[in-house]
Amino acid sequence: MNVIELLADLQAQHRETAARAGEPRDQIQHLTGQEFRARELHELLGMPTDEASVNITRSRLGRLTRQGFLTQPGRGRYQKGT
């Protein structure tokens, strides 16, 4: 594999990852007013529910909470921000 093919492959992987990262955010848009847990979000989206995958989502939800897109009405629960 030459450098150009490697860069093209990395770009394709980046686009795919960016698209998948938007899925939880899009799904959260539909959860207005509802509280949810990270594991419930995984189940709803058909994503893996193993502990490592859910922990990554928890981290991302925490970042969205700090940015003001979500609120955290209780421990481990998230809700779309107002």
N, C-alpha and C. Protein backbone atom coordinates (compact mmCIF):
# COMPACT_ATOMS: atom_id res chain seq x y z
N MET A 1 0.86 -1.17 0.00
CA MET A 1 0.00 0.00 0.00
C MET A 1 0.91 1.24 0.00
N ASN A 2 0.68 2.12 -0.96
CA ASN A 2 1.51 3.32 -1.00
C ASN A 2 0.89 4.41 -0.12
N VAL A 3 1.57 5.52 0.00
CA VAL A 3 1.16 6.61 0.89
C VAL A 3 -0.20 7.18 0.48
N ILE A 4 -0.43 7.33 -0.82
CA ILE A 4 -1.69 7.91 -1.29
C ILE A 4 -2.86 7.00 -0.93
N GLU A 5 -2.69 5.69 -1.11
CA GLU A 5 -3.74 4.75 -0.74
C GLU A 5 -3.98 4.77 0.77
N LEU A 6 -2.91 4.86 1.53
CA LEU A 6 -3.03 4.91 2.99
C LEU A 6 -3.79 6.15 3.43
N LEU A 7 -3.46 7.30 2.85
CA LEU A 7 -4.17 8.53 3.20
C LEU A 7 -5.64 8.48 2.79
N ALA A 8 -5.92 7.90 1.63
CA ALA A 8 -7.32 7.77 1.19
C ALA A 8 -8.09 6.86 2.14
N ASP A 9 -7.45 5.78 2.59
CA ASP A 9 -8.10 4.87 3.53
C ASP A 9 -8.36 5.56 4.87
N LEU A 10 -7.39 6.33 5.35
CA LEU A 10 -7.57 7.07 6.60
C LEU A 10 -8.69 8.10 6.50
N GLN A 11 -8.78 8.77 5.35
CA GLN A 11 -9.86 9.74 5.15
C GLN A 11 -11.22 9.05 5.18
N ALA A 12 -11.32 7.90 4.52
CA ALA A 12 -12.58 7.15 4.50
C ALA A 12 -12.96 6.72 5.91
N GLN A 13 -11.99 6.25 6.69
CA GLN A 13 -12.26 5.85 8.06
C GLN A 13 -12.70 7.04 8.91
N HIS A 14 -12.08 8.19 8.69
CA HIS A 14 -12.44 9.40 9.43
C HIS A 14 -13.88 9.81 9.13
N ARG A 15 -14.26 9.79 7.85
CA ARG A 15 -15.63 10.15 7.48
C ARG A 15 -16.65 9.20 8.11
N GLU A 16 -16.32 7.91 8.10
CA GLU A 16 -17.22 6.92 8.68
C GLU A 16 -17.37 7.13 10.19
N THR A 17 -16.26 7.39 10.85
CA THR A 17 -16.29 7.62 12.30
C THR A 17 -17.06 8.89 12.63
N ALA A 18 -16.85 9.94 11.85
CA ALA A 18 -17.57 11.19 12.08
C ALA A 18 -19.08 11.00 11.89
N ALA A 19 -19.45 10.23 10.89
CA ALA A 19 -20.88 9.97 10.65
C ALA A 19 -21.48 9.18 11.81
N ARG A 20 -20.75 8.18 12.31
CA ARG A 20 -21.26 7.39 13.43
C ARG A 20 -21.33 8.21 14.70
N ALA A 21 -20.41 9.14 14.88
CA ALA A 21 -20.41 9.99 16.08
C ALA A 21 -21.65 10.88 16.10
N GLY A 22 -22.18 11.22 14.95
CA GLY A 22 -23.38 12.06 14.88
C GLY A 22 -24.65 11.31 15.20
N GLU A 23 -24.64 9.97 15.11
CA GLU A 23 -25.85 9.20 15.37
C GLU A 23 -26.42 9.42 16.76
N PRO A 24 -25.60 9.31 17.83
CA PRO A 24 -26.17 9.55 19.16
C PRO A 24 -26.73 10.97 19.30
N ARG A 25 -26.04 11.94 18.74
CA ARG A 25 -26.51 13.33 18.82
C ARG A 25 -27.86 13.47 18.11
N ASP A 26 -28.00 12.85 16.95
CA ASP A 26 -29.27 12.91 16.23
C ASP A 26 -30.38 12.23 17.00
N GLN A 27 -30.06 11.08 17.61
CA GLN A 27 -31.07 10.36 18.38
C GLN A 27 -31.49 11.16 19.61
N ILE A 28 -30.55 11.86 20.23
CA ILE A 28 -30.86 12.68 21.40
C ILE A 28 -31.85 13.77 21.03
N GLN A 29 -31.76 14.29 19.81
CA GLN A 29 -32.69 15.31 19.35
C GLN A 29 -34.14 14.83 19.46
N HIS A 30 -34.35 13.51 19.29
CA HIS A 30 -35.70 12.95 19.35
C HIS A 30 -36.14 12.64 20.77
N LEU A 31 -35.26 12.78 21.74
CA LEU A 31 -35.58 12.42 23.12
C LEU A 31 -35.93 13.65 23.96
N THR A 32 -36.43 14.69 23.34
CA THR A 32 -36.73 15.92 24.04
C THR A 32 -37.62 15.65 25.25
N GLY A 33 -37.17 16.10 26.40
CA GLY A 33 -37.96 15.97 27.63
C GLY A 33 -37.86 14.62 28.29
N GLN A 34 -37.23 13.65 27.65
CA GLN A 34 -37.12 12.32 28.23
C GLN A 34 -35.74 12.12 28.83
N GLU A 35 -35.69 11.49 29.98
CA GLU A 35 -34.41 11.10 30.57
C GLU A 35 -33.99 9.77 29.97
N PHE A 36 -32.70 9.58 29.81
CA PHE A 36 -32.21 8.32 29.28
C PHE A 36 -30.85 8.02 29.87
N ARG A 37 -30.47 6.77 29.78
CA ARG A 37 -29.16 6.31 30.23
C ARG A 37 -28.33 5.93 29.00
N ALA A 38 -27.03 5.91 29.16
CA ALA A 38 -26.13 5.58 28.05
C ALA A 38 -26.46 4.20 27.48
N ARG A 39 -26.70 3.23 28.34
CA ARG A 39 -27.00 1.87 27.86
C ARG A 39 -28.31 1.85 27.07
N GLU A 40 -29.30 2.61 27.52
CA GLU A 40 -30.58 2.68 26.80
C GLU A 40 -30.37 3.27 25.40
N LEU A 41 -29.50 4.27 25.31
CA LEU A 41 -29.20 4.88 24.02
C LEU A 41 -28.54 3.85 23.10
N HIS A 42 -27.64 3.05 23.63
CA HIS A 42 -27.00 1.99 22.84
C HIS A 42 -28.03 0.99 22.33
N GLU A 43 -28.94 0.58 23.21
CA GLU A 43 -29.96 -0.38 22.82
C GLU A 43 -30.86 0.21 21.74
N LEU A 44 -31.22 1.47 21.90
CA LEU A 44 -32.09 2.15 20.94
C LEU A 44 -31.44 2.25 19.57
N LEU A 45 -30.12 2.50 19.54
CA LEU A 45 -29.40 2.65 18.28
C LEU A 45 -28.86 1.35 17.72
N GLY A 46 -29.02 0.26 18.45
CA GLY A 46 -28.50 -1.02 18.00
C GLY A 46 -26.98 -1.09 18.08
N MET A 47 -26.41 -0.32 19.00
CA MET A 47 -24.96 -0.29 19.18
C MET A 47 -24.58 -1.37 20.20
N PRO A 48 -23.31 -1.77 20.25
CA PRO A 48 -22.87 -2.78 21.23
C PRO A 48 -23.15 -2.30 22.65
N THR A 49 -23.55 -3.21 23.52
CA THR A 49 -23.87 -2.84 24.90
C THR A 49 -22.83 -3.34 25.89
N ASP A 50 -21.65 -3.72 25.38
CA ASP A 50 -20.60 -4.12 26.31
C ASP A 50 -20.14 -2.90 27.11
N GLU A 51 -19.57 -3.17 28.26
CA GLU A 51 -19.24 -2.10 29.21
C GLU A 51 -18.29 -1.06 28.61
N ALA A 52 -17.29 -1.50 27.84
CA ALA A 52 -16.32 -0.57 27.27
C ALA A 52 -16.99 0.40 26.30
N SER A 53 -17.87 -0.12 25.44
CA SER A 53 -18.55 0.74 24.47
C SER A 53 -19.47 1.74 25.17
N VAL A 54 -20.19 1.29 26.18
CA VAL A 54 -21.10 2.16 26.90
C VAL A 54 -20.31 3.23 27.67
N ASN A 55 -19.14 2.87 28.20
CA ASN A 55 -18.31 3.85 28.91
C ASN A 55 -17.83 4.95 27.98
N ILE A 56 -17.52 4.61 26.74
CA ILE A 56 -17.11 5.62 25.76
C ILE A 56 -18.27 6.59 25.53
N THR A 57 -19.48 6.05 25.41
CA THR A 57 -20.65 6.90 25.21
C THR A 57 -20.90 7.77 26.44
N ARG A 58 -20.71 7.21 27.63
CA ARG A 58 -20.86 8.01 28.85
C ARG A 58 -19.91 9.20 28.83
N SER A 59 -18.70 8.96 28.38
CA SER A 59 -17.71 10.04 28.30
C SER A 59 -18.18 11.11 27.32
N ARG A 60 -18.69 10.68 26.18
CA ARG A 60 -19.19 11.65 25.19
C ARG A 60 -20.41 12.40 25.70
N LEU A 61 -21.29 11.70 26.41
CA LEU A 61 -22.46 12.37 26.98
C LEU A 61 -22.03 13.39 28.03
N GLY A 62 -20.99 13.06 28.79
CA GLY A 62 -20.46 14.00 29.78
C GLY A 62 -19.95 15.26 29.11
N ARG A 63 -19.27 15.09 27.99
CA ARG A 63 -18.77 16.26 27.25
C ARG A 63 -19.93 17.10 26.73
N LEU A 64 -20.98 16.45 26.20
CA LEU A 64 -22.15 17.19 25.72
C LEU A 64 -22.85 17.91 26.88
N THR A 65 -22.80 17.31 28.07
CA THR A 65 -23.38 17.95 29.26
C THR A 65 -22.58 19.20 29.61
N ARG A 66 -21.26 19.09 29.62
CA ARG A 66 -20.42 20.25 29.93
C ARG A 66 -20.57 21.36 28.90
N GLN A 67 -20.86 21.00 27.66
CA GLN A 67 -21.04 21.99 26.60
C GLN A 67 -22.45 22.60 26.61
N GLY A 68 -23.34 22.05 27.44
CA GLY A 68 -24.68 22.62 27.57
C GLY A 68 -25.73 22.02 26.66
N PHE A 69 -25.38 21.01 25.86
CA PHE A 69 -26.36 20.38 24.98
C PHE A 69 -27.28 19.45 25.75
N LEU A 70 -26.78 18.90 26.86
CA LEU A 70 -27.55 17.99 27.70
C LEU A 70 -27.54 18.50 29.13
N THR A 71 -28.51 18.02 29.91
CA THR A 71 -28.48 18.24 31.35
C THR A 71 -28.40 16.87 32.00
N GLN A 72 -28.06 16.84 33.26
CA GLN A 72 -27.96 15.58 33.98
C GLN A 72 -28.83 15.68 35.23
N PRO A 73 -30.13 15.30 35.08
CA PRO A 73 -31.06 15.43 36.20
C PRO A 73 -30.80 14.47 37.35
N GLY A 74 -30.04 13.43 37.11
CA GLY A 74 -29.71 12.48 38.16
C GLY A 74 -28.45 11.73 37.75
N ARG A 75 -27.87 11.01 38.69
CA ARG A 75 -26.64 10.29 38.41
C ARG A 75 -26.87 9.26 37.31
N GLY A 76 -26.10 9.35 36.25
CA GLY A 76 -26.19 8.39 35.16
C GLY A 76 -27.36 8.63 34.20
N ARG A 77 -28.10 9.70 34.42
CA ARG A 77 -29.24 10.01 33.56
C ARG A 77 -28.94 11.31 32.81
N TYR A 78 -29.39 11.34 31.58
CA TYR A 78 -29.16 12.50 30.73
C TYR A 78 -30.47 12.94 30.12
N GLN A 79 -30.53 14.21 29.77
CA GLN A 79 -31.72 14.78 29.18
C GLN A 79 -31.28 15.90 28.25
N LYS A 80 -32.00 16.07 27.17
CA LYS A 80 -31.66 17.13 26.24
C LYS A 80 -31.78 18.47 26.96
N GLY A 81 -30.77 19.34 26.76
CA GLY A 81 -30.78 20.65 27.39
C GLY A 81 -31.86 21.53 26.82
N THR A 82 -32.23 22.54 27.57
CA THR A 82 -33.30 23.44 27.11
C THR A 82 -32.76 24.60 26.32
